[in-house]
Amino acid sequence: MQSDTVEMLGLVAGFIGAFAFAPQAVKILRDRDASNVSALSYAMILTGALLWLAYGVFRAAPSIILWNLVAAGLAALVLLLKLRRRA
């Protein structure tokens, strides 16, 4: 497979994977309720995204860097909303 095709595959897959967290963040913001969200799950997702981000940096892989940066941001947002809405 050509390098450009592989990178395009990575960009599309990363986009879908990273933005999979967006609906949860929107739902929490809209409903003002994060009681059904697992803080541990999102802490693990955030950690995984940050580790993949580091891997992407070491490998100089733009699709891994970009989408794991987005995924980490969205996972961090959901986790912060969960922790903030606990009170």
N, C-alpha and C. Protein backbone atom coordinates (compact mmCIF):
# COMPACT_ATOMS: atom_id res chain seq x y z
N MET A 1 0.86 -1.19 0.00
CA MET A 1 0.00 0.00 0.00
C MET A 1 0.90 1.24 0.00
N GLN A 2 0.53 2.25 -0.74
CA GLN A 2 1.33 3.46 -0.82
C GLN A 2 1.27 4.24 0.49
N SER A 3 2.34 4.98 0.75
CA SER A 3 2.46 5.74 1.99
C SER A 3 1.33 6.76 2.16
N ASP A 4 0.96 7.45 1.07
CA ASP A 4 -0.13 8.44 1.14
C ASP A 4 -1.46 7.78 1.50
N THR A 5 -1.70 6.61 0.96
CA THR A 5 -2.93 5.88 1.25
C THR A 5 -2.97 5.45 2.71
N VAL A 6 -1.85 5.00 3.21
CA VAL A 6 -1.77 4.57 4.61
C VAL A 6 -1.99 5.77 5.53
N GLU A 7 -1.40 6.90 5.22
CA GLU A 7 -1.58 8.10 6.04
C GLU A 7 -3.04 8.57 5.99
N MET A 8 -3.67 8.50 4.83
CA MET A 8 -5.08 8.87 4.71
C MET A 8 -5.95 7.94 5.56
N LEU A 9 -5.64 6.67 5.55
CA LEU A 9 -6.35 5.70 6.38
C LEU A 9 -6.20 6.07 7.86
N GLY A 10 -4.99 6.43 8.25
CA GLY A 10 -4.75 6.86 9.63
C GLY A 10 -5.50 8.12 10.00
N LEU A 11 -5.58 9.05 9.07
CA LEU A 11 -6.30 10.30 9.34
C LEU A 11 -7.80 10.06 9.51
N VAL A 12 -8.38 9.22 8.66
CA VAL A 12 -9.81 8.93 8.75
C VAL A 12 -10.11 8.14 10.02
N ALA A 13 -9.33 7.11 10.28
CA ALA A 13 -9.54 6.29 11.49
C ALA A 13 -9.37 7.13 12.75
N GLY A 14 -8.36 7.97 12.76
CA GLY A 14 -8.12 8.83 13.92
C GLY A 14 -9.24 9.83 14.15
N PHE A 15 -9.76 10.39 13.07
CA PHE A 15 -10.87 11.33 13.18
C PHE A 15 -12.07 10.67 13.85
N ILE A 16 -12.43 9.48 13.38
CA ILE A 16 -13.58 8.77 13.94
C ILE A 16 -13.32 8.40 15.40
N GLY A 17 -12.14 7.88 15.68
CA GLY A 17 -11.80 7.48 17.05
C GLY A 17 -11.75 8.66 18.01
N ALA A 18 -11.15 9.75 17.59
CA ALA A 18 -11.00 10.91 18.46
C ALA A 18 -12.34 11.57 18.76
N PHE A 19 -13.16 11.72 17.73
CA PHE A 19 -14.42 12.41 17.94
C PHE A 19 -15.52 11.52 18.50
N ALA A 20 -15.19 10.27 18.79
CA ALA A 20 -16.14 9.38 19.46
C ALA A 20 -16.47 9.89 20.86
N PHE A 21 -15.61 10.72 21.43
CA PHE A 21 -15.83 11.26 22.78
C PHE A 21 -16.67 12.53 22.77
N ALA A 22 -16.82 13.15 21.62
CA ALA A 22 -17.56 14.41 21.54
C ALA A 22 -19.03 14.29 21.95
N PRO A 23 -19.76 13.26 21.54
CA PRO A 23 -21.17 13.18 21.95
C PRO A 23 -21.35 13.12 23.47
N GLN A 24 -20.43 12.45 24.16
CA GLN A 24 -20.52 12.37 25.62
C GLN A 24 -20.31 13.75 26.24
N ALA A 25 -19.34 14.49 25.73
CA ALA A 25 -19.08 15.83 26.25
C ALA A 25 -20.28 16.75 26.00
N VAL A 26 -20.85 16.68 24.81
CA VAL A 26 -22.03 17.50 24.49
C VAL A 26 -23.20 17.13 25.38
N LYS A 27 -23.41 15.85 25.60
CA LYS A 27 -24.52 15.40 26.44
C LYS A 27 -24.36 15.90 27.88
N ILE A 28 -23.16 15.84 28.41
CA ILE A 28 -22.91 16.33 29.77
C ILE A 28 -23.17 17.83 29.84
N LEU A 29 -22.69 18.57 28.86
CA LEU A 29 -22.90 20.02 28.85
C LEU A 29 -24.37 20.37 28.71
N ARG A 30 -25.08 19.63 27.85
CA ARG A 30 -26.50 19.91 27.62
C ARG A 30 -27.36 19.55 28.84
N ASP A 31 -27.12 18.35 29.38
CA ASP A 31 -27.95 17.86 30.49
C ASP A 31 -27.47 18.32 31.87
N ARG A 32 -26.26 18.83 31.92
CA ARG A 32 -25.64 19.21 33.20
C ARG A 32 -25.63 18.04 34.19
N ASP A 33 -25.37 16.85 33.64
CA ASP A 33 -25.37 15.64 34.46
C ASP A 33 -24.28 14.69 33.95
N ALA A 34 -23.34 14.39 34.83
CA ALA A 34 -22.27 13.46 34.47
C ALA A 34 -22.27 12.25 35.40
N SER A 35 -23.39 12.01 36.07
CA SER A 35 -23.44 10.95 37.07
C SER A 35 -23.26 9.55 36.47
N ASN A 36 -23.60 9.36 35.21
CA ASN A 36 -23.50 8.04 34.59
C ASN A 36 -22.19 7.84 33.84
N VAL A 37 -21.25 8.76 34.01
CA VAL A 37 -19.96 8.67 33.33
C VAL A 37 -18.93 8.10 34.31
N SER A 38 -18.13 7.17 33.85
CA SER A 38 -17.09 6.58 34.67
C SER A 38 -15.82 7.43 34.63
N ALA A 39 -15.46 8.01 35.76
CA ALA A 39 -14.23 8.80 35.83
C ALA A 39 -13.01 7.93 35.56
N LEU A 40 -13.02 6.71 36.07
CA LEU A 40 -11.89 5.80 35.86
C LEU A 40 -11.71 5.49 34.37
N SER A 41 -12.81 5.24 33.68
CA SER A 41 -12.72 4.95 32.24
C SER A 41 -12.11 6.12 31.48
N TYR A 42 -12.56 7.31 31.77
CA TYR A 42 -12.04 8.48 31.05
C TYR A 42 -10.62 8.81 31.47
N ALA A 43 -10.24 8.51 32.71
CA ALA A 43 -8.84 8.69 33.12
C ALA A 43 -7.95 7.72 32.35
N MET A 44 -8.44 6.50 32.14
CA MET A 44 -7.68 5.51 31.38
C MET A 44 -7.61 5.89 29.90
N ILE A 45 -8.71 6.39 29.35
CA ILE A 45 -8.72 6.83 27.95
C ILE A 45 -7.75 8.00 27.76
N LEU A 46 -7.77 8.94 28.69
CA LEU A 46 -6.87 10.09 28.62
C LEU A 46 -5.41 9.63 28.67
N THR A 47 -5.11 8.72 29.59
CA THR A 47 -3.74 8.20 29.71
C THR A 47 -3.32 7.50 28.43
N GLY A 48 -4.19 6.67 27.88
CA GLY A 48 -3.88 5.98 26.63
C GLY A 48 -3.64 6.95 25.48
N ALA A 49 -4.49 7.97 25.38
CA ALA A 49 -4.32 8.96 24.31
C ALA A 49 -3.01 9.71 24.45
N LEU A 50 -2.63 10.04 25.67
CA LEU A 50 -1.36 10.75 25.89
C LEU A 50 -0.16 9.86 25.56
N LEU A 51 -0.27 8.58 25.89
CA LEU A 51 0.81 7.66 25.54
C LEU A 51 0.92 7.47 24.03
N TRP A 52 -0.24 7.34 23.35
CA TRP A 52 -0.23 7.25 21.89
C TRP A 52 0.31 8.54 21.26
N LEU A 53 -0.01 9.67 21.87
CA LEU A 53 0.51 10.96 21.39
C LEU A 53 2.04 10.95 21.46
N ALA A 54 2.58 10.51 22.59
CA ALA A 54 4.04 10.44 22.74
C ALA A 54 4.63 9.49 21.69
N TYR A 55 3.98 8.35 21.48
CA TYR A 55 4.43 7.40 20.47
C TYR A 55 4.45 8.06 19.09
N GLY A 56 3.38 8.80 18.79
CA GLY A 56 3.31 9.49 17.50
C GLY A 56 4.42 10.51 17.32
N VAL A 57 4.75 11.21 18.41
CA VAL A 57 5.84 12.19 18.36
C VAL A 57 7.16 11.48 18.08
N PHE A 58 7.44 10.38 18.80
CA PHE A 58 8.69 9.64 18.60
C PHE A 58 8.77 9.03 17.20
N ARG A 59 7.64 8.65 16.64
CA ARG A 59 7.60 8.06 15.30
C ARG A 59 7.41 9.11 14.20
N ALA A 60 7.19 10.35 14.59
CA ALA A 60 6.94 11.43 13.63
C ALA A 60 5.77 11.07 12.72
N ALA A 61 4.67 10.61 13.34
CA ALA A 61 3.49 10.18 12.60
C ALA A 61 2.38 11.21 12.79
N PRO A 62 2.15 12.06 11.78
CA PRO A 62 1.19 13.16 11.92
C PRO A 62 -0.22 12.72 12.31
N SER A 63 -0.72 11.64 11.72
CA SER A 63 -2.09 11.23 12.04
C SER A 63 -2.21 10.77 13.49
N ILE A 64 -1.20 10.11 14.00
CA ILE A 64 -1.22 9.66 15.41
C ILE A 64 -1.13 10.86 16.34
N ILE A 65 -0.28 11.80 16.01
CA ILE A 65 -0.12 13.00 16.84
C ILE A 65 -1.41 13.81 16.87
N LEU A 66 -1.92 14.13 15.69
CA LEU A 66 -3.11 14.98 15.59
C LEU A 66 -4.31 14.40 16.33
N TRP A 67 -4.67 13.18 16.00
CA TRP A 67 -5.92 12.64 16.55
C TRP A 67 -5.81 12.24 18.00
N ASN A 68 -4.63 11.89 18.47
CA ASN A 68 -4.51 11.61 19.89
C ASN A 68 -4.46 12.89 20.71
N LEU A 69 -4.02 13.96 20.12
CA LEU A 69 -4.12 15.26 20.77
C LEU A 69 -5.59 15.64 20.92
N VAL A 70 -6.37 15.45 19.87
CA VAL A 70 -7.81 15.72 19.92
C VAL A 70 -8.50 14.79 20.93
N ALA A 71 -8.19 13.49 20.86
CA ALA A 71 -8.80 12.52 21.77
C ALA A 71 -8.46 12.84 23.22
N ALA A 72 -7.22 13.21 23.48
CA ALA A 72 -6.82 13.56 24.85
C ALA A 72 -7.58 14.80 25.32
N GLY A 73 -7.73 15.77 24.45
CA GLY A 73 -8.48 16.98 24.82
C GLY A 73 -9.93 16.69 25.15
N LEU A 74 -10.57 15.88 24.32
CA LEU A 74 -11.98 15.55 24.57
C LEU A 74 -12.14 14.66 25.80
N ALA A 75 -11.25 13.70 25.98
CA ALA A 75 -11.31 12.84 27.17
C ALA A 75 -11.06 13.67 28.43
N ALA A 76 -10.13 14.61 28.36
CA ALA A 76 -9.86 15.48 29.51
C ALA A 76 -11.07 16.35 29.81
N LEU A 77 -11.73 16.84 28.77
CA LEU A 77 -12.94 17.64 28.97
C LEU A 77 -14.02 16.84 29.68
N VAL A 78 -14.28 15.62 29.21
CA VAL A 78 -15.30 14.78 29.84
C VAL A 78 -14.91 14.48 31.30
N LEU A 79 -13.64 14.17 31.52
CA LEU A 79 -13.19 13.88 32.88
C LEU A 79 -13.33 15.10 33.78
N LEU A 80 -12.95 16.27 33.30
CA LEU A 80 -13.11 17.49 34.10
C LEU A 80 -14.58 17.80 34.39
N LEU A 81 -15.43 17.61 33.40
CA LEU A 81 -16.87 17.83 33.62
C LEU A 81 -17.40 16.84 34.66
N LYS A 82 -16.94 15.61 34.59
CA LYS A 82 -17.37 14.59 35.56
C LYS A 82 -16.93 15.00 36.96
N LEU A 83 -15.69 15.39 37.11
CA LEU A 83 -15.17 15.74 38.43
C LEU A 83 -15.80 17.04 38.95
N ARG A 84 -16.04 17.98 38.06
CA ARG A 84 -16.64 19.25 38.44
C ARG A 84 -18.11 19.09 38.84
N ARG A 85 -18.81 18.20 38.21
CA ARG A 85 -20.26 18.02 38.45
C ARG A 85 -20.54 17.06 39.60
N ARG A 86 -19.50 16.56 40.24
CA ARG A 86 -19.69 15.64 41.37
C ARG A 86 -20.36 16.29 42.56
N ALA A 87 -20.05 17.55 42.78
CA ALA A 87 -20.54 18.24 43.98
C ALA A 87 -22.02 18.50 43.95
